[in-house]
PDB file of N, CA and C in Angstrom:
ATOM      1  N   MET A   1       0.836  -1.198   0.000  1.00  0.00           N
ATOM      2  CA  MET A   1       0.000   0.000   0.000  1.00  0.00           C
ATOM      3  C   MET A   1       0.874   1.252   0.000  1.00  0.00           C
ATOM      4  N   ALA A   2       2.139   1.123  -0.278  1.00  0.00           N
ATOM      5  CA  ALA A   2       3.035   2.279  -0.270  1.00  0.00           C
ATOM      6  C   ALA A   2       2.531   3.345  -1.229  1.00  0.00           C
ATOM      7  N   GLY A   3       2.492   4.572  -0.735  1.00  0.00           N
ATOM      8  CA  GLY A   3       2.100   5.675  -1.591  1.00  0.00           C
ATOM      9  C   GLY A   3       0.616   5.951  -1.638  1.00  0.00           C
ATOM     10  N   GLY A   4      -0.189   5.203  -0.901  1.00  0.00           N
ATOM     11  CA  GLY A   4      -1.625   5.430  -0.925  1.00  0.00           C
ATOM     12  C   GLY A   4      -2.137   5.902   0.423  1.00  0.00           C
ATOM     13  N   VAL A   5      -3.342   6.490   0.394  1.00  0.00           N
ATOM     14  CA  VAL A   5      -4.008   6.914   1.626  1.00  0.00           C
ATOM     15  C   VAL A   5      -5.179   5.964   1.846  1.00  0.00           C
ATOM     16  N   ILE A   6      -5.166   5.287   2.976  1.00  0.00           N
ATOM     17  CA  ILE A   6      -6.179   4.294   3.314  1.00  0.00           C
ATOM     18  C   ILE A   6      -7.415   4.993   3.871  1.00  0.00           C
ATOM     19  N   VAL A   7      -8.586   4.523   3.490  1.00  0.00           N
ATOM     20  CA  VAL A   7      -9.822   5.005   4.101  1.00  0.00           C
ATOM     21  C   VAL A   7     -10.023   4.207   5.382  1.00  0.00           C
ATOM     22  N   LEU A   8      -9.980   4.911   6.505  1.00  0.00           N
ATOM     23  CA  LEU A   8     -10.127   4.260   7.802  1.00  0.00           C
ATOM     24  C   LEU A   8     -11.577   4.310   8.265  1.00  0.00           C
ATOM     25  N   THR A   9     -12.002   3.228   8.916  1.00  0.00           N
ATOM     26  CA  THR A   9     -13.356   3.135   9.452  1.00  0.00           C
ATOM     27  C   THR A   9     -13.273   2.470  10.819  1.00  0.00           C
ATOM     28  N   GLU A  10     -14.397   2.438  11.507  1.00  0.00           N
ATOM     29  CA  GLU A  10     -14.425   1.762  12.796  1.00  0.00           C
ATOM     30  C   GLU A  10     -14.125   0.272  12.634  1.00  0.00           C
ATOM     31  N   SER A  11     -14.471  -0.296  11.482  1.00  0.00           N
ATOM     32  CA  SER A  11     -14.254  -1.736  11.303  1.00  0.00           C
ATOM     33  C   SER A  11     -12.804  -2.089  10.982  1.00  0.00           C
ATOM     34  N   ASN A  12     -12.035  -1.186  10.371  1.00  0.00           N
ATOM     35  CA  ASN A  12     -10.646  -1.533  10.059  1.00  0.00           C
ATOM     36  C   ASN A  12      -9.632  -0.789  10.938  1.00  0.00           C
ATOM     37  N   TRP A  13     -10.092   0.016  11.905  1.00  0.00           N
ATOM     38  CA  TRP A  13      -9.224   0.844  12.739  1.00  0.00           C
ATOM     39  C   TRP A  13      -8.135   0.020  13.445  1.00  0.00           C
ATOM     40  N   HIS A  14      -8.530  -1.064  14.113  1.00  0.00           N
ATOM     41  CA  HIS A  14      -7.540  -1.854  14.864  1.00  0.00           C
ATOM     42  C   HIS A  14      -6.509  -2.488  13.941  1.00  0.00           C
ATOM     43  N   ALA A  15      -6.953  -3.037  12.846  1.00  0.00           N
ATOM     44  CA  ALA A  15      -6.021  -3.701  11.925  1.00  0.00           C
ATOM     45  C   ALA A  15      -5.065  -2.699  11.277  1.00  0.00           C
ATOM     46  N   GLU A  16      -5.579  -1.564  10.855  1.00  0.00           N
ATOM     47  CA  GLU A  16      -4.764  -0.608  10.088  1.00  0.00           C
ATOM     48  C   GLU A  16      -3.955   0.348  10.960  1.00  0.00           C
ATOM     49  N   VAL A  17      -4.448   0.684  12.161  1.00  0.00           N
ATOM     50  CA  VAL A  17      -3.783   1.693  12.990  1.00  0.00           C
ATOM     51  C   VAL A  17      -3.176   1.065  14.245  1.00  0.00           C
ATOM     52  N   ILE A  18      -4.001   0.489  15.079  1.00  0.00           N
ATOM     53  CA  ILE A  18      -3.543  -0.003  16.378  1.00  0.00           C
ATOM     54  C   ILE A  18      -2.533  -1.137  16.217  1.00  0.00           C
ATOM     55  N   ASN A  19      -2.784  -2.066  15.302  1.00  0.00           N
ATOM     56  CA  ASN A  19      -1.902  -3.223  15.124  1.00  0.00           C
ATOM     57  C   ASN A  19      -0.903  -3.048  13.987  1.00  0.00           C
ATOM     58  N   SER A  20      -0.732  -1.843  13.476  1.00  0.00           N
ATOM     59  CA  SER A  20       0.175  -1.606  12.358  1.00  0.00           C
ATOM     60  C   SER A  20       1.625  -1.810  12.766  1.00  0.00           C
ATOM     61  N   ASP A  21       2.406  -2.409  11.867  1.00  0.00           N
ATOM     62  CA  ASP A  21       3.833  -2.572  12.134  1.00  0.00           C
ATOM     63  C   ASP A  21       4.628  -1.318  11.769  1.00  0.00           C
ATOM     64  N   LYS A  22       3.970  -0.349  11.137  1.00  0.00           N
ATOM     65  CA  LYS A  22       4.600   0.929  10.792  1.00  0.00           C
ATOM     66  C   LYS A  22       3.865   2.047  11.515  1.00  0.00           C
ATOM     67  N   PRO A  23       4.523   3.206  11.692  1.00  0.00           N
ATOM     68  CA  PRO A  23       3.782   4.371  12.185  1.00  0.00           C
ATOM     69  C   PRO A  23       2.634   4.700  11.221  1.00  0.00           C
ATOM     70  N   VAL A  24       1.563   5.285  11.749  1.00  0.00           N
ATOM     71  CA  VAL A  24       0.393   5.620  10.934  1.00  0.00           C
ATOM     72  C   VAL A  24       0.023   7.081  11.171  1.00  0.00           C
ATOM     73  N   VAL A  25      -0.084   7.835  10.073  1.00  0.00           N
ATOM     74  CA  VAL A  25      -0.565   9.214  10.122  1.00  0.00           C
ATOM     75  C   VAL A  25      -2.052   9.169   9.808  1.00  0.00           C
ATOM     76  N   VAL A  26      -2.871   9.688  10.727  1.00  0.00           N
ATOM     77  CA  VAL A  26      -4.324   9.676  10.535  1.00  0.00           C
ATOM     78  C   VAL A  26      -4.821  11.109  10.404  1.00  0.00           C
ATOM     79  N   ASP A  27      -5.532  11.359   9.317  1.00  0.00           N
ATOM     80  CA  ASP A  27      -6.171  12.650   9.056  1.00  0.00           C
ATOM     81  C   ASP A  27      -7.642  12.510   9.450  1.00  0.00           C
ATOM     82  N   PHE A  28      -8.026  13.130  10.583  1.00  0.00           N
ATOM     83  CA  PHE A  28      -9.424  13.155  11.001  1.00  0.00           C
ATOM     84  C   PHE A  28     -10.072  14.325  10.257  1.00  0.00           C
ATOM     85  N   TRP A  29     -11.120  14.050   9.477  1.00  0.00           N
ATOM     86  CA  TRP A  29     -11.711  15.054   8.600  1.00  0.00           C
ATOM     87  C   TRP A  29     -13.210  14.833   8.457  1.00  0.00           C
ATOM     88  N   ALA A  30     -13.866  15.767   7.749  1.00  0.00           N
ATOM     89  CA  ALA A  30     -15.280  15.615   7.371  1.00  0.00           C
ATOM     90  C   ALA A  30     -15.472  16.321   6.031  1.00  0.00           C
ATOM     91  N   PRO A  31     -16.427  15.855   5.224  1.00  0.00           N
ATOM     92  CA  PRO A  31     -16.617  16.414   3.882  1.00  0.00           C
ATOM     93  C   PRO A  31     -16.998  17.901   3.863  1.00  0.00           C
ATOM     94  N   TRP A  32     -17.654  18.386   4.896  1.00  0.00           N
ATOM     95  CA  TRP A  32     -18.118  19.773   4.929  1.00  0.00           C
ATOM     96  C   TRP A  32     -17.037  20.742   5.405  1.00  0.00           C
ATOM     97  N   CYS A  33     -15.887  20.225   5.804  1.00  0.00           N
ATOM     98  CA  CYS A  33     -14.817  21.028   6.423  1.00  0.00           C
ATOM     99  C   CYS A  33     -13.896  21.618   5.356  1.00  0.00           C
ATOM    100  N   GLY A  34     -13.930  22.937   5.206  1.00  0.00           N
ATOM    101  CA  GLY A  34     -13.082  23.626   4.226  1.00  0.00           C
ATOM    102  C   GLY A  34     -11.597  23.404   4.453  1.00  0.00           C
ATOM    103  N   PRO A  35     -11.091  23.621   5.680  1.00  0.00           N
ATOM    104  CA  PRO A  35      -9.665  23.386   5.932  1.00  0.00           C
ATOM    105  C   PRO A  35      -9.245  21.935   5.656  1.00  0.00           C
ATOM    106  N   CYS A  36     -10.179  20.990   5.822  1.00  0.00           N
ATOM    107  CA  CYS A  36      -9.866  19.584   5.530  1.00  0.00           C
ATOM    108  C   CYS A  36      -9.564  19.396   4.043  1.00  0.00           C
ATOM    109  N   ARG A  37     -10.275  20.138   3.203  1.00  0.00           N
ATOM    110  CA  ARG A  37     -10.035  20.052   1.757  1.00  0.00           C
ATOM    111  C   ARG A  37      -8.698  20.675   1.390  1.00  0.00           C
ATOM    112  N   ILE A  38      -8.235  21.621   2.195  1.00  0.00           N
ATOM    113  CA  ILE A  38      -6.931  22.246   1.944  1.00  0.00           C
ATOM    114  C   ILE A  38      -5.799  21.275   2.290  1.00  0.00           C
ATOM    115  N   ILE A  39      -5.949  20.553   3.387  1.00  0.00           N
ATOM    116  CA  ILE A  39      -4.862  19.678   3.839  1.00  0.00           C
ATOM    117  C   ILE A  39      -4.841  18.331   3.109  1.00  0.00           C
ATOM    118  N   ALA A  40      -5.954  17.923   2.516  1.00  0.00           N
ATOM    119  CA  ALA A  40      -6.029  16.608   1.854  1.00  0.00           C
ATOM    120  C   ALA A  40      -4.927  16.397   0.817  1.00  0.00           C
ATOM    121  N   PRO A  41      -4.674  17.348  -0.091  1.00  0.00           N
ATOM    122  CA  PRO A  41      -3.601  17.099  -1.067  1.00  0.00           C
ATOM    123  C   PRO A  41      -2.203  17.056  -0.434  1.00  0.00           C
ATOM    124  N   ILE A  42      -2.031  17.743   0.685  1.00  0.00           N
ATOM    125  CA  ILE A  42      -0.747  17.702   1.395  1.00  0.00           C
ATOM    126  C   ILE A  42      -0.520  16.294   1.945  1.00  0.00           C
ATOM    127  N   ILE A  43      -1.568  15.713   2.533  1.00  0.00           N
ATOM    128  CA  ILE A  43      -1.481  14.347   3.060  1.00  0.00           C
ATOM    129  C   ILE A  43      -1.175  13.372   1.921  1.00  0.00           C
ATOM    130  N   GLU A  44      -1.821  13.557   0.770  1.00  0.00           N
ATOM    131  CA  GLU A  44      -1.587  12.675  -0.375  1.00  0.00           C
ATOM    132  C   GLU A  44      -0.150  12.787  -0.873  1.00  0.00           C
ATOM    133  N   GLU A  45       0.394  14.016  -0.919  1.00  0.00           N
ATOM    134  CA  GLU A  45       1.787  14.206  -1.337  1.00  0.00           C
ATOM    135  C   GLU A  45       2.738  13.510  -0.364  1.00  0.00           C
ATOM    136  N   LEU A  46       2.487  13.680   0.937  1.00  0.00           N
ATOM    137  CA  LEU A  46       3.349  13.033   1.927  1.00  0.00           C
ATOM    138  C   LEU A  46       3.254  11.512   1.832  1.00  0.00           C
ATOM    139  N   ALA A  47       2.069  11.000   1.528  1.00  0.00           N
ATOM    140  CA  ALA A  47       1.900   9.549   1.369  1.00  0.00           C
ATOM    141  C   ALA A  47       2.734   9.044   0.193  1.00  0.00           C
ATOM    142  N   MET A  48       2.799   9.821  -0.873  1.00  0.00           N
ATOM    143  CA  MET A  48       3.607   9.430  -2.024  1.00  0.00           C
ATOM    144  C   MET A  48       5.099   9.463  -1.674  1.00  0.00           C
ATOM    145  N   GLU A  49       5.505  10.443  -0.877  1.00  0.00           N
ATOM    146  CA  GLU A  49       6.919  10.595  -0.527  1.00  0.00           C
ATOM    147  C   GLU A  49       7.378   9.628   0.565  1.00  0.00           C
ATOM    148  N   LEU A  50       6.527   9.390   1.551  1.00  0.00           N
ATOM    149  CA  LEU A  50       6.946   8.637   2.743  1.00  0.00           C
ATOM    150  C   LEU A  50       6.216   7.316   2.933  1.00  0.00           C
ATOM    151  N   GLY A  51       5.383   6.935   1.972  1.00  0.00           N
ATOM    152  CA  GLY A  51       4.522   5.760   2.112  1.00  0.00           C
ATOM    153  C   GLY A  51       5.239   4.447   2.297  1.00  0.00           C
ATOM    154  N   ASP A  52       6.552   4.395   1.984  1.00  0.00           N
ATOM    155  CA  ASP A  52       7.281   3.150   2.214  1.00  0.00           C
ATOM    156  C   ASP A  52       7.653   2.985   3.687  1.00  0.00           C
ATOM    157  N   LYS A  53       7.671   4.097   4.447  1.00  0.00           N
ATOM    158  CA  LYS A  53       8.068   4.052   5.857  1.00  0.00           C
ATOM    159  C   LYS A  53       6.889   4.225   6.820  1.00  0.00           C
ATOM    160  N   VAL A  54       5.830   4.880   6.331  1.00  0.00           N
ATOM    161  CA  VAL A  54       4.706   5.268   7.185  1.00  0.00           C
ATOM    162  C   VAL A  54       3.412   5.005   6.435  1.00  0.00           C
ATOM    163  N   LYS A  55       2.386   4.553   7.157  1.00  0.00           N
ATOM    164  CA  LYS A  55       1.043   4.417   6.577  1.00  0.00           C
ATOM    165  C   LYS A  55       0.304   5.734   6.730  1.00  0.00           C
ATOM    166  N   PHE A  56      -0.547   6.047   5.784  1.00  0.00           N
ATOM    167  CA  PHE A  56      -1.381   7.241   5.841  1.00  0.00           C
ATOM    168  C   PHE A  56      -2.830   6.828   5.701  1.00  0.00           C
ATOM    169  N   GLY A  57      -3.685   7.406   6.545  1.00  0.00           N
ATOM    170  CA  GLY A  57      -5.098   7.094   6.479  1.00  0.00           C
ATOM    171  C   GLY A  57      -5.952   8.308   6.784  1.00  0.00           C
ATOM    172  N   LYS A  58      -7.191   8.269   6.290  1.00  0.00           N
ATOM    173  CA  LYS A  58      -8.159   9.334   6.537  1.00  0.00           C
ATOM    174  C   LYS A  58      -9.366   8.723   7.228  1.00  0.00           C
ATOM    175  N   LEU A  59      -9.826   9.389   8.295  1.00  0.00           N
ATOM    176  CA  LEU A  59     -11.003   8.915   9.002  1.00  0.00           C
ATOM    177  C   LEU A  59     -12.059  10.012   8.984  1.00  0.00           C
ATOM    178  N   ASN A  60     -13.180   9.731   8.339  1.00  0.00           N
ATOM    179  CA  ASN A  60     -14.301  10.666   8.282  1.00  0.00           C
ATOM    180  C   ASN A  60     -14.989  10.655   9.652  1.00  0.00           C
ATOM    181  N   THR A  61     -14.902  11.783  10.364  1.00  0.00           N
ATOM    182  CA  THR A  61     -15.439  11.844  11.728  1.00  0.00           C
ATOM    183  C   THR A  61     -16.968  11.785  11.762  1.00  0.00           C
ATOM    184  N   ASP A  62     -17.628  12.190  10.688  1.00  0.00           N
ATOM    185  CA  ASP A  62     -19.090  12.094  10.635  1.00  0.00           C
ATOM    186  C   ASP A  62     -19.540  10.635  10.542  1.00  0.00           C
ATOM    187  N   GLU A  63     -18.793   9.830   9.788  1.00  0.00           N
ATOM    188  CA  GLU A  63     -19.161   8.431   9.579  1.00  0.00           C
ATOM    189  C   GLU A  63     -18.623   7.501  10.663  1.00  0.00           C
ATOM    190  N   ASN A  64     -17.645   7.988  11.433  1.00  0.00           N
ATOM    191  CA  ASN A  64     -17.001   7.160  12.467  1.00  0.00           C
ATOM    192  C   ASN A  64     -16.889   7.929  13.779  1.00  0.00           C
ATOM    193  N   PRO A  65     -18.032   8.342  14.345  1.00  0.00           N
ATOM    194  CA  PRO A  65     -17.998   9.215  15.524  1.00  0.00           C
ATOM    195  C   PRO A  65     -17.400   8.566  16.772  1.00  0.00           C
ATOM    196  N   ASN A  66     -17.483   7.245  16.890  1.00  0.00           N
ATOM    197  CA  ASN A  66     -16.962   6.595  18.093  1.00  0.00           C
ATOM    198  C   ASN A  66     -15.451   6.740  18.207  1.00  0.00           C
ATOM    199  N   ILE A  67     -14.749   6.603  17.097  1.00  0.00           N
ATOM    200  CA  ILE A  67     -13.289   6.757  17.133  1.00  0.00           C
ATOM    201  C   ILE A  67     -12.938   8.215  17.390  1.00  0.00           C
ATOM    202  N   ALA A  68     -13.645   9.133  16.747  1.00  0.00           N
ATOM    203  CA  ALA A  68     -13.393  10.563  16.977  1.00  0.00           C
ATOM    204  C   ALA A  68     -13.578  10.907  18.458  1.00  0.00           C
ATOM    205  N   MET A  69     -14.630  10.369  19.072  1.00  0.00           N
ATOM    206  CA  MET A  69     -14.861  10.618  20.502  1.00  0.00           C
ATOM    207  C   MET A  69     -13.775   9.968  21.359  1.00  0.00           C
ATOM    208  N   GLN A  70     -13.390   8.762  20.999  1.00  0.00           N
ATOM    209  CA  GLN A  70     -12.385   8.031  21.763  1.00  0.00           C
ATOM    210  C   GLN A  70     -11.071   8.811  21.851  1.00  0.00           C
ATOM    211  N   TYR A  71     -10.722   9.520  20.773  1.00  0.00           N
ATOM    212  CA  TYR A  71      -9.464  10.264  20.751  1.00  0.00           C
ATOM    213  C   TYR A  71      -9.652  11.758  21.014  1.00  0.00           C
ATOM    214  N   GLY A  72     -10.843  12.149  21.435  1.00  0.00           N
ATOM    215  CA  GLY A  72     -11.082  13.525  21.846  1.00  0.00           C
ATOM    216  C   GLY A  72     -10.971  14.542  20.721  1.00  0.00           C
ATOM    217  N   ILE A  73     -11.365  14.149  19.522  1.00  0.00           N
ATOM    218  CA  ILE A  73     -11.284  15.064  18.381  1.00  0.00           C
ATOM    219  C   ILE A  73     -12.364  16.132  18.548  1.00  0.00           C
ATOM    220  N   ARG A  74     -11.937  17.383  18.709  1.00  0.00           N
ATOM    221  CA  ARG A  74     -12.874  18.491  18.883  1.00  0.00           C
ATOM    222  C   ARG A  74     -12.798  19.487  17.740  1.00  0.00           C
ATOM    223  N   ALA A  75     -11.735  19.406  16.952  1.00  0.00           N
ATOM    224  CA  ALA A  75     -11.553  20.303  15.813  1.00  0.00           C
ATOM    225  C   ALA A  75     -10.957  19.488  14.672  1.00  0.00           C
ATOM    226  N   ILE A  76     -11.389  19.811  13.468  1.00  0.00           N
ATOM    227  CA  ILE A  76     -10.828  19.137  12.303  1.00  0.00           C
ATOM    228  C   ILE A  76     -10.358  20.196  11.309  1.00  0.00           C
ATOM    229  N   PRO A  77      -9.341  19.904  10.543  1.00  0.00           N
ATOM    230  CA  PRO A  77      -8.602  18.646  10.534  1.00  0.00           C
ATOM    231  C   PRO A  77      -7.700  18.501  11.762  1.00  0.00           C
ATOM    232  N   THR A  78      -7.641  17.286  12.258  1.00  0.00           N
ATOM    233  CA  THR A  78      -6.660  16.908  13.276  1.00  0.00           C
ATOM    234  C   THR A  78      -5.819  15.805  12.660  1.00  0.00           C
ATOM    235  N   ILE A  79      -4.508  15.962  12.735  1.00  0.00           N
ATOM    236  CA  ILE A  79      -3.583  14.960  12.222  1.00  0.00           C
ATOM    237  C   ILE A  79      -2.917  14.319  13.428  1.00  0.00           C
ATOM    238  N   MET A  80      -3.059  13.001  13.545  1.00  0.00           N
ATOM    239  CA  MET A  80      -2.411  12.272  14.630  1.00  0.00           C
ATOM    240  C   MET A  80      -1.447  11.258  14.044  1.00  0.00           C
ATOM    241  N   LEU A  81      -0.304  11.141  14.690  1.00  0.00           N
ATOM    242  CA  LEU A  81       0.670  10.124  14.321  1.00  0.00           C
ATOM    243  C   LEU A  81       0.644   9.051  15.399  1.00  0.00           C
ATOM    244  N   PHE A  82       0.351   7.819  14.982  1.00  0.00           N
ATOM    245  CA  PHE A  82       0.310   6.682  15.886  1.00  0.00           C
ATOM    246  C   PHE A  82       1.560   5.835  15.671  1.00  0.00           C
ATOM    247  N   SER A  83       2.162   5.406  16.759  1.00  0.00           N
ATOM    248  CA  SER A  83       3.304   4.505  16.698  1.00  0.00           C
ATOM    249  C   SER A  83       3.057   3.392  17.710  1.00  0.00           C
ATOM    250  N   LYS A  84       3.094   2.163  17.239  1.00  0.00           N
ATOM    251  CA  LYS A  84       2.813   0.997  18.081  1.00  0.00           C
ATOM    252  C   LYS A  84       1.457   1.123  18.767  1.00  0.00           C
ATOM    253  N   GLY A  85       0.481   1.670  18.067  1.00  0.00           N
ATOM    254  CA  GLY A  85      -0.885   1.773  18.576  1.00  0.00           C
ATOM    255  C   GLY A  85      -1.142   2.939  19.502  1.00  0.00           C
ATOM    256  N   GLU A  86      -0.107   3.730  19.802  1.00  0.00           N
ATOM    257  CA  GLU A  86      -0.241   4.860  20.719  1.00  0.00           C
ATOM    258  C   GLU A  86      -0.063   6.178  19.964  1.00  0.00           C
ATOM    259  N   ILE A  87      -0.710   7.235  20.469  1.00  0.00           N
ATOM    260  CA  ILE A  87      -0.545   8.562  19.870  1.00  0.00           C
ATOM    261  C   ILE A  87       0.873   9.043  20.165  1.00  0.00           C
ATOM    262  N   ALA A  88       1.624   9.345  19.094  1.00  0.00           N
ATOM    263  CA  ALA A  88       2.992   9.837  19.246  1.00  0.00           C
ATOM    264  C   ALA A  88       3.058  11.351  19.072  1.00  0.00           C
ATOM    265  N   ASP A  89       2.129  11.913  18.268  1.00  0.00           N
ATOM    266  CA  ASP A  89       2.131  13.356  18.026  1.00  0.00           C
ATOM    267  C   ASP A  89       0.776  13.751  17.443  1.00  0.00           C
ATOM    268  N   THR A  90       0.428  15.030  17.617  1.00  0.00           N
ATOM    269  CA  THR A  90      -0.855  15.548  17.130  1.00  0.00           C
ATOM    270  C   THR A  90      -0.659  16.964  16.611  1.00  0.00           C
ATOM    271  N   ARG A  91      -1.320  17.272  15.510  1.00  0.00           N
ATOM    272  CA  ARG A  91      -1.382  18.634  14.979  1.00  0.00           C
ATOM    273  C   ARG A  91      -2.848  18.933  14.667  1.00  0.00           C
ATOM    274  N   ILE A  92      -3.286  20.142  15.001  1.00  0.00           N
ATOM    275  CA  ILE A  92      -4.670  20.539  14.757  1.00  0.00           C
ATOM    276  C   ILE A  92      -4.684  21.705  13.787  1.00  0.00           C
ATOM    277  N   GLY A  93      -5.573  21.628  12.794  1.00  0.00           N
ATOM    278  CA  GLY A  93      -5.699  22.688  11.806  1.00  0.00           C
ATOM    279  C   GLY A  93      -4.777  22.460  10.623  1.00  0.00           C
ATOM    280  N   VAL A  94      -4.898  23.343   9.641  1.00  0.00           N
ATOM    281  CA  VAL A  94      -4.070  23.242   8.438  1.00  0.00           C
ATOM    282  C   VAL A  94      -2.617  23.501   8.822  1.00  0.00           C
ATOM    283  N   GLN A  95      -1.754  22.621   8.352  1.00  0.00           N
ATOM    284  CA  GLN A  95      -0.323  22.706   8.638  1.00  0.00           C
ATOM    285  C   GLN A  95       0.442  22.774   7.320  1.00  0.00           C
ATOM    286  N   PRO A  96       1.560  23.504   7.303  1.00  0.00           N
ATOM    287  CA  PRO A  96       2.404  23.468   6.100  1.00  0.00           C
ATOM    288  C   PRO A  96       2.958  22.059   5.902  1.00  0.00           C
ATOM    289  N   LYS A  97       3.154  21.699   4.646  1.00  0.00           N
ATOM    290  CA  LYS A  97       3.662  20.364   4.319  1.00  0.00           C
ATOM    291  C   LYS A  97       4.966  20.069   5.054  1.00  0.00           C
ATOM    292  N   GLU A  98       5.890  21.016   5.065  1.00  0.00           N
ATOM    293  CA  GLU A  98       7.192  20.774   5.698  1.00  0.00           C
ATOM    294  C   GLU A  98       7.059  20.526   7.205  1.00  0.00           C
ATOM    295  N   ALA A  99       6.131  21.231   7.852  1.00  0.00           N
ATOM    296  CA  ALA A  99       5.929  21.027   9.292  1.00  0.00           C
ATOM    297  C   ALA A  99       5.424  19.613   9.563  1.00  0.00           C
ATOM    298  N   LEU A 100       4.477  19.148   8.756  1.00  0.00           N
ATOM    299  CA  LEU A 100       3.974  17.780   8.923  1.00  0.00           C
ATOM    300  C   LEU A 100       5.061  16.762   8.617  1.00  0.00           C
ATOM    301  N   LYS A 101       5.832  17.023   7.571  1.00  0.00           N
ATOM    302  CA  LYS A 101       6.895  16.105   7.198  1.00  0.00           C
ATOM    303  C   LYS A 101       7.917  15.973   8.316  1.00  0.00           C
ATOM    304  N   GLN A 102       8.315  17.080   8.924  1.00  0.00           N
ATOM    305  CA  GLN A 102       9.277  17.046  10.024  1.00  0.00           C
ATOM    306  C   GLN A 102       8.697  16.306  11.232  1.00  0.00           C
ATOM    307  N   MET A 103       7.409  16.528  11.520  1.00  0.00           N
ATOM    308  CA  MET A 103       6.753  15.834  12.614  1.00  0.00           C
ATOM    309  C   MET A 103       6.821  14.322  12.373  1.00  0.00           C
ATOM    310  N   ILE A 104       6.509  13.910  11.160  1.00  0.00           N
ATOM    311  CA  ILE A 104       6.511  12.484  10.821  1.00  0.00           C
ATOM    312  C   ILE A 104       7.930  11.919  10.904  1.00  0.00           C
ATOM    313  N   LEU A 105       8.885  12.603  10.286  1.00  0.00           N
ATOM    314  CA  LEU A 105      10.262  12.105  10.243  1.00  0.00           C
ATOM    315  C   LEU A 105      10.881  12.010  11.640  1.00  0.00           C
ATOM    316  N   SER A 106      10.429  12.843  12.561  1.00  0.00           N
ATOM    317  CA  SER A 106      10.990  12.799  13.916  1.00  0.00           C
ATOM    318  C   SER A 106      10.567  11.535  14.678  1.00  0.00           C
ATOM    319  N   HIS A 107       9.606  10.779  14.124  1.00  0.00           N
ATOM    320  CA  HIS A 107       9.104   9.582  14.808  1.00  0.00           C
ATOM    321  C   HIS A 107       9.409   8.282  14.061  1.00  0.00           C
ATOM    322  N   ILE A 108      10.183   8.384  12.980  1.00  0.00           N
ATOM    323  CA  ILE A 108      10.506   7.134  12.252  1.00  0.00           C
ATOM    324  C   ILE A 108      12.005   6.903  12.223  1.00  0.00           C
TER     325      ILE A 108
END
């Protein structure tokens, strides 16, 4: 799956994020969120660049409210980096590509 962004759901969350053998960057988003549409291509670019070392996934908070509640998502976009099933880092709001890239690289 190198280079792709996985669609995350409540049914595949444990397999793709919690039990992942690689770090996972999760973009918590919703279709009505303007800033989410701004950050989406940045996440896709990073997935193409770093997808061999890190998994990238998007979780629609409207369709998967239980996971959003579990992780205390109060604002979107929220980008979380999971390592070994635990939250390693979090960024809220639109972030420059380089800032996200540095955040990711600091954990791999």
